[in-house]
Amino acid sequence: MACPKLFLPCLLLQLTSLFLVPEVAHGQGLRVGFYQKACPNAEAIVKEAIAQVLSVAPSLSGPLLRLHFHDCFVRGCEGSVLLDSPTHQTEKYAFRNHSLRGYETIDRVKTALEKACPGIVSCADILALVARDIAVSTGGVFYDVETGRRDGNVSILTEARRDLIPPTANITTLKADFAKRGLSAKDLVVLSGGHTIGTSHCTAFSNRLYNFTGKSDADPKLDSNYRARLKLSCKPNDQTTLVEMDPGSARTFDIKYFELIAKRRPLYFGRRTSRRRPNQGVPRLPNQDRRVHFLQGLWSVDGENGSDWRAHRNGW
């Protein structure tokens, strides 16, 4: 899909089109304005709800964006991360999903949509629309979201445990895991831009500070000055402290995260790349291309498809 030369919207647009559902409701596939007749105010309702949430809890921007990614990376974009289970055997209970937040926000959006259009808008589409509105609210440029996803009825803890990439993955593992989903190294670079907003627990990267190879050492590819600053916030075995993934810009959807990669200062992406330079083996993208392709990417990994429309009555 060709994108205009605008970095912010297309960075998000790519995330959602890379996890594209090939066929959805009534065999019509995803399209812009899917709810135009059945629920014409759907997108406006989502936008208003998200604006209200961020006005009182701006720190939810990163977690809500992350919800969409974690949903799409297991079974595609079909809302399975939202499903609950009395035996705690669904995706949300996988270890890498324990830190997910924002479920109440999705439930709030779904309640508003159910009041206006009962049984029409799928939770999977809500996650995609919320991600777009988060990006726009934090500095991104508006872009159209294709809708028409079916909600999935299957959510399995072990699949999330298997499919969600750990924060300790090196570049070789990252590229291989993305390739399994039909995503390229360029998609990997682009999608890493989601780290431009939000925070991370120290536990997700503390091995880079204190025990990188199991010998009480630090990651030599992490900038030494940045490492020293992180150690001031993250002491050994710290389980609670949060740090900004994009220091000084963690609530703004911009391109500064990519600048951190070039400076060897990302918390996650690129930490075990070439010894000669941090980004060797990963294609470089022009500024505008990075911003305009982000969420488009997630939509092209297969999710729920078929001819029977299905939307959950509540978020999970």
Protein backbone atom coordinates (compact mmCIF):
# COMPACT_ATOMS: atom_id res chain seq x y z
CA MET A 1 0.00 0.00 0.00
CA ALA A 2 1.47 3.35 -1.01
CA CYS A 3 1.51 5.97 1.74
CA PRO A 4 1.80 9.75 1.58
CA LYS A 5 5.09 11.21 2.69
CA LEU A 6 3.95 11.97 6.23
CA PHE A 7 5.83 10.15 8.97
CA LEU A 8 3.45 10.17 11.93
CA PRO A 9 0.28 8.80 10.36
CA CYS A 10 1.90 6.25 8.13
CA LEU A 11 4.02 4.85 10.92
CA LEU A 12 0.74 3.96 12.57
CA LEU A 13 -1.01 3.04 9.35
CA GLN A 14 1.60 0.41 8.56
CA LEU A 15 1.16 -1.34 11.90
CA THR A 16 -2.44 -2.03 11.07
CA SER A 17 -2.20 -2.95 7.42
CA LEU A 18 0.60 -5.45 7.95
CA PHE A 19 -1.78 -7.49 10.08
CA LEU A 20 -4.53 -7.20 7.51
CA VAL A 21 -7.47 -9.57 7.73
CA PRO A 22 -7.84 -10.80 4.12
CA GLU A 23 -11.57 -11.45 4.25
CA VAL A 24 -14.01 -10.36 6.93
CA ALA A 25 -17.66 -9.55 7.31
CA HIS A 26 -19.81 -10.83 4.46
CA GLY A 27 -16.69 -11.49 2.41
CA GLN A 28 -16.26 -7.76 1.76
CA GLY A 29 -12.85 -7.36 3.38
CA LEU A 30 -11.61 -4.35 5.31
CA ARG A 31 -12.50 -0.93 4.03
CA VAL A 32 -12.65 2.65 5.20
CA GLY A 33 -16.16 3.51 6.37
CA PHE A 34 -17.28 -0.07 7.02
CA TYR A 35 -19.76 1.16 9.67
CA GLN A 36 -20.99 4.14 7.69
CA LYS A 37 -24.53 2.78 7.39
CA ALA A 38 -24.87 0.54 10.45
CA CYS A 39 -23.17 2.89 12.94
CA PRO A 40 -22.30 6.18 11.23
CA ASN A 41 -20.97 7.85 14.37
CA ALA A 42 -18.74 4.94 15.43
CA GLU A 43 -15.40 6.65 14.85
CA ALA A 44 -16.58 9.89 16.43
CA ILE A 45 -17.69 7.97 19.52
CA VAL A 46 -14.29 6.30 19.81
CA LYS A 47 -12.48 9.60 19.34
CA GLU A 48 -14.54 11.34 22.02
CA ALA A 49 -14.06 8.52 24.53
CA ILE A 50 -10.28 8.47 24.00
CA ALA A 51 -10.04 12.24 24.31
CA GLN A 52 -11.84 12.03 27.65
CA VAL A 53 -9.56 9.26 28.90
CA LEU A 54 -6.32 10.97 27.87
CA SER A 55 -7.44 14.27 29.42
CA VAL A 56 -7.28 12.64 32.85
CA ALA A 57 -4.83 9.76 32.22
CA PRO A 58 -2.33 10.74 29.50
CA SER A 59 0.00 7.95 30.62
CA LEU A 60 -2.42 5.43 29.08
CA SER A 61 -1.40 6.41 25.54
CA GLY A 62 1.49 3.94 25.39
CA PRO A 63 -0.38 1.02 27.01
CA LEU A 64 -3.39 1.43 24.70
CA LEU A 65 -1.15 1.39 21.64
CA ARG A 66 0.60 -1.68 23.04
CA LEU A 67 -2.74 -3.49 23.47
CA HIS A 68 -3.28 -3.32 19.71
CA PHE A 69 0.17 -4.71 18.95
CA HIS A 70 -0.16 -7.57 21.45
CA ASP A 71 -3.55 -8.44 19.99
CA CYS A 72 -2.32 -8.46 16.40
CA PHE A 73 0.85 -10.44 17.03
CA VAL A 74 -1.12 -13.45 18.29
CA ARG A 75 -3.78 -14.78 15.85
CA GLY A 76 -3.93 -11.45 14.00
CA CYS A 77 -6.06 -8.40 14.81
CA GLU A 78 -9.21 -10.10 16.12
CA GLY A 79 -9.52 -8.93 19.72
CA SER A 80 -8.42 -12.18 21.37
CA VAL A 81 -6.18 -10.35 23.84
CA LEU A 82 -9.36 -8.98 25.44
CA LEU A 83 -11.00 -12.34 26.14
CA ASP A 84 -11.19 -13.45 29.74
CA SER A 85 -11.29 -16.92 31.29
CA PRO A 86 -12.30 -18.21 34.75
CA THR A 87 -9.29 -20.54 34.58
CA HIS A 88 -6.91 -17.77 33.48
CA GLN A 89 -5.92 -19.61 30.30
CA THR A 90 -6.43 -16.81 27.76
CA GLU A 91 -3.81 -14.56 26.17
CA LYS A 92 -4.15 -11.76 28.70
CA TYR A 93 -2.77 -14.07 31.41
CA ALA A 94 0.47 -14.85 29.55
CA PHE A 95 3.52 -13.50 31.36
CA ARG A 96 4.35 -10.96 28.64
CA ASN A 97 0.81 -9.59 28.88
CA HIS A 98 0.80 -9.15 32.66
CA SER A 99 1.84 -5.52 32.31
CA LEU A 100 -0.83 -4.64 29.73
CA ARG A 101 -3.13 -1.81 30.79
CA GLY A 102 -6.11 -0.07 29.26
CA TYR A 103 -8.71 -2.85 29.32
CA GLU A 104 -11.09 -0.56 31.20
CA THR A 105 -10.69 2.08 28.49
CA ILE A 106 -11.60 -0.40 25.75
CA ASP A 107 -14.61 -1.45 27.84
CA ARG A 108 -15.61 2.19 28.17
CA VAL A 109 -15.43 2.71 24.42
CA LYS A 110 -17.37 -0.50 23.78
CA THR A 111 -20.10 0.53 26.23
CA ALA A 112 -20.54 3.84 24.42
CA LEU A 113 -20.73 2.08 21.06
CA GLU A 114 -23.18 -0.53 22.33
CA LYS A 115 -25.44 2.24 23.56
CA ALA A 116 -25.46 3.84 20.11
CA CYS A 117 -25.27 0.71 17.92
CA PRO A 118 -25.82 -2.57 19.80
CA GLY A 119 -23.88 -5.54 18.47
CA ILE A 120 -22.37 -3.71 15.51
CA VAL A 121 -18.78 -2.57 16.13
CA SER A 122 -16.25 -5.32 16.84
CA CYS A 123 -13.74 -5.08 19.67
CA ALA A 124 -10.99 -5.79 17.14
CA ASP A 125 -11.95 -2.65 15.22
CA ILE A 126 -12.13 -0.69 18.46
CA LEU A 127 -8.49 -1.56 19.20
CA ALA A 128 -7.45 -0.39 15.73
CA LEU A 129 -9.43 2.86 15.97
CA VAL A 130 -8.17 3.54 19.48
CA ALA A 131 -4.57 3.07 18.30
CA ARG A 132 -5.13 5.63 15.53
CA ASP A 133 -6.72 8.13 17.91
CA ILE A 134 -3.89 7.64 20.41
CA ALA A 135 -1.35 8.44 17.70
CA VAL A 136 -3.25 11.54 16.59
CA SER A 137 -3.78 12.72 20.18
CA THR A 138 -0.07 12.48 20.93
CA GLY A 139 1.13 14.41 17.90
CA GLY A 140 0.44 12.21 14.90
CA VAL A 141 -1.39 13.22 11.74
CA PHE A 142 -4.85 11.77 11.13
CA TYR A 143 -5.13 8.77 8.83
CA ASP A 144 -8.04 6.59 7.72
CA VAL A 145 -8.50 3.19 9.39
CA GLU A 146 -9.93 0.31 7.41
CA THR A 147 -12.55 -1.49 9.51
CA GLY A 148 -14.63 -4.65 9.25
CA ARG A 149 -12.72 -7.11 11.46
CA ARG A 150 -14.54 -9.99 13.11
CA ASP A 151 -14.00 -10.65 16.79
CA GLY A 152 -12.32 -13.95 17.54
CA ASN A 153 -13.74 -16.44 20.03
CA VAL A 154 -10.47 -18.26 20.69
CA SER A 155 -7.76 -17.02 23.03
CA ILE A 156 -5.03 -19.37 24.26
CA LEU A 157 -2.41 -18.51 26.86
CA THR A 158 0.23 -20.80 25.39
CA GLU A 159 -0.06 -19.14 21.97
CA ALA A 160 0.68 -15.74 23.49
CA ARG A 161 3.57 -17.26 25.41
CA ARG A 162 4.91 -18.65 22.13
CA ASP A 163 4.19 -15.76 19.76
CA LEU A 164 4.94 -12.61 21.75
CA ILE A 165 8.57 -11.62 21.30
CA PRO A 166 10.52 -11.23 24.58
CA PRO A 167 12.29 -7.91 25.26
CA THR A 168 15.59 -9.83 25.42
CA ALA A 169 15.36 -10.97 21.76
CA ASN A 170 18.35 -10.08 19.60
CA ILE A 171 18.11 -8.70 16.07
CA THR A 172 18.39 -12.14 14.47
CA THR A 173 15.46 -13.45 16.52
CA LEU A 174 13.43 -10.32 15.88
CA LYS A 175 13.88 -10.54 12.11
CA ALA A 176 13.04 -14.26 12.12
CA ASP A 177 9.88 -13.79 14.21
CA PHE A 178 8.69 -10.94 12.01
CA ALA A 179 9.42 -12.99 8.88
CA LYS A 180 7.13 -15.76 10.19
CA ARG A 181 4.30 -13.24 10.01
CA GLY A 182 5.19 -12.03 6.53
CA LEU A 183 6.89 -8.91 7.87
CA SER A 184 10.19 -7.60 6.56
CA ALA A 185 13.19 -6.06 8.29
CA LYS A 186 11.83 -2.69 7.20
CA ASP A 187 8.54 -3.49 8.95
CA LEU A 188 10.53 -4.38 12.06
CA VAL A 189 12.27 -1.02 12.04
CA VAL A 190 9.02 0.82 11.43
CA LEU A 191 7.04 -1.00 14.11
CA SER A 192 9.78 -0.40 16.66
CA GLY A 193 8.76 3.25 16.35
CA GLY A 194 5.84 2.46 18.65
CA HIS A 195 8.34 2.75 21.49
CA THR A 196 8.29 6.49 20.96
CA ILE A 197 5.49 6.77 23.54
CA GLY A 198 5.13 5.06 26.88
CA THR A 199 7.27 3.65 29.66
CA SER A 200 8.93 0.37 30.57
CA HIS A 201 9.57 -1.49 33.81
CA CYS A 202 13.24 -1.81 34.66
CA THR A 203 12.87 -5.59 34.68
CA ALA A 204 12.38 -5.60 30.89
CA PHE A 205 15.94 -4.41 30.23
CA SER A 206 17.83 -4.68 33.53
CA ASN A 207 19.94 -7.52 32.13
CA ARG A 208 21.53 -4.95 29.81
CA LEU A 209 22.64 -3.01 32.88
CA TYR A 210 23.71 -5.72 35.28
CA ASN A 211 23.90 -9.21 33.79
CA PHE A 212 23.99 -9.16 30.02
CA THR A 213 25.85 -12.43 29.43
CA GLY A 214 25.30 -14.00 32.85
CA LYS A 215 28.64 -12.72 34.16
CA SER A 216 27.42 -9.60 36.00
CA ASP A 217 28.32 -7.48 32.98
CA ALA A 218 26.60 -4.73 30.99
CA ASP A 219 25.63 -4.66 27.33
CA PRO A 220 28.64 -3.09 25.57
CA LYS A 221 26.40 -1.84 22.74
CA LEU A 222 24.35 0.34 25.09
CA ASP A 223 25.75 3.89 25.26
CA SER A 224 27.80 4.10 28.48
CA ASN A 225 26.44 7.51 29.52
CA TYR A 226 22.88 6.38 28.98
CA ARG A 227 23.58 3.17 30.88
CA ALA A 228 24.85 5.20 33.85
CA ARG A 229 21.67 7.30 33.83
CA LEU A 230 19.47 4.21 33.71
CA LYS A 231 21.30 2.70 36.68
CA LEU A 232 20.36 5.74 38.75
CA SER A 233 16.69 4.87 38.24
CA CYS A 234 16.89 1.08 37.99
CA LYS A 235 18.67 -0.66 40.84
CA PRO A 236 19.36 -4.41 40.69
CA ASN A 237 16.18 -6.49 41.08
CA ASP A 238 13.95 -3.41 40.81
CA GLN A 239 10.46 -4.74 40.07
CA THR A 240 8.41 -1.54 40.14
CA THR A 241 10.20 1.48 38.66
CA LEU A 242 9.08 2.78 35.26
CA VAL A 243 11.34 4.69 32.87
CA GLU A 244 10.49 6.51 29.66
CA MET A 245 11.25 4.54 26.50
CA ASP A 246 11.84 7.81 24.61
CA PRO A 247 13.32 10.10 27.28
CA GLY A 248 11.90 13.61 27.22
CA SER A 249 9.43 12.71 24.48
CA ALA A 250 7.52 9.75 25.92
CA ARG A 251 4.10 11.32 25.42
CA THR A 252 4.71 12.62 21.91
CA PHE A 253 4.40 10.47 18.80
CA ASP A 254 7.50 11.59 16.93
CA ILE A 255 10.67 10.18 15.37
CA LYS A 256 13.04 10.68 18.29
CA TYR A 257 13.06 6.98 19.12
CA PHE A 258 14.86 6.34 15.83
CA GLU A 259 17.42 8.95 16.80
CA LEU A 260 18.01 7.00 20.02
CA ILE A 261 18.77 3.88 18.00
CA ALA A 262 21.47 5.73 16.07
CA LYS A 263 22.94 6.89 19.40
CA ARG A 264 22.85 3.33 20.86
CA ARG A 265 20.23 4.36 23.40
CA PRO A 266 17.12 2.25 22.75
CA LEU A 267 15.89 0.18 25.70
CA TYR A 268 15.03 -2.72 23.40
CA PHE A 269 15.39 -2.59 19.63
CA GLY A 270 18.83 -2.94 18.08
CA ARG A 271 20.67 -3.86 21.24
CA ARG A 272 22.47 -6.89 19.80
CA THR A 273 23.18 -5.82 16.25
CA SER A 274 26.50 -5.61 14.45
CA ARG A 275 29.70 -4.92 16.32
CA ARG A 276 30.54 -2.31 13.71
CA ARG A 277 27.43 -0.15 14.00
CA PRO A 278 24.13 -0.51 15.87
CA ASN A 279 21.81 -0.67 12.87
CA GLN A 280 23.78 -2.87 10.48
CA GLY A 281 21.55 -5.45 8.84
CA VAL A 282 18.45 -3.30 9.33
CA PRO A 283 17.34 -1.05 6.46
CA ARG A 284 17.34 2.69 6.95
CA LEU A 285 14.12 4.59 6.36
CA PRO A 286 13.63 8.24 5.49
CA ASN A 287 12.06 10.28 8.29
CA GLN A 288 8.70 10.64 6.59
CA ASP A 289 8.43 6.97 5.67
CA ARG A 290 8.90 5.91 9.27
CA ARG A 291 6.11 8.07 10.58
CA VAL A 292 3.62 7.30 7.90
CA HIS A 293 3.95 3.53 7.96
CA PHE A 294 3.67 2.54 11.62
CA LEU A 295 0.19 1.13 12.26
CA GLN A 296 -0.46 0.22 8.65
CA GLY A 297 1.91 -2.62 9.33
CA LEU A 298 -0.13 -4.58 11.83
CA TRP A 299 -3.13 -5.12 9.59
CA SER A 300 -1.56 -7.54 7.13
CA VAL A 301 -1.04 -10.51 9.44
CA ASP A 302 -4.03 -12.80 9.07
CA GLY A 303 -6.70 -12.67 11.74
CA GLU A 304 -10.37 -13.60 11.80
CA ASN A 305 -11.89 -14.02 8.33
CA GLY A 306 -14.99 -15.52 6.84
CA SER A 307 -18.50 -14.58 5.84
CA ASP A 308 -20.33 -14.41 9.18
CA TRP A 309 -20.12 -11.08 10.98
CA ARG A 310 -19.26 -11.33 14.65
CA ALA A 311 -18.88 -8.57 17.24
CA HIS A 312 -18.65 -9.22 20.96
CA ARG A 313 -21.26 -7.47 23.07
CA ASN A 314 -18.57 -6.25 25.44
CA GLY A 315 -14.81 -5.72 25.29
CA TRP A 316 -13.95 -9.20 26.58
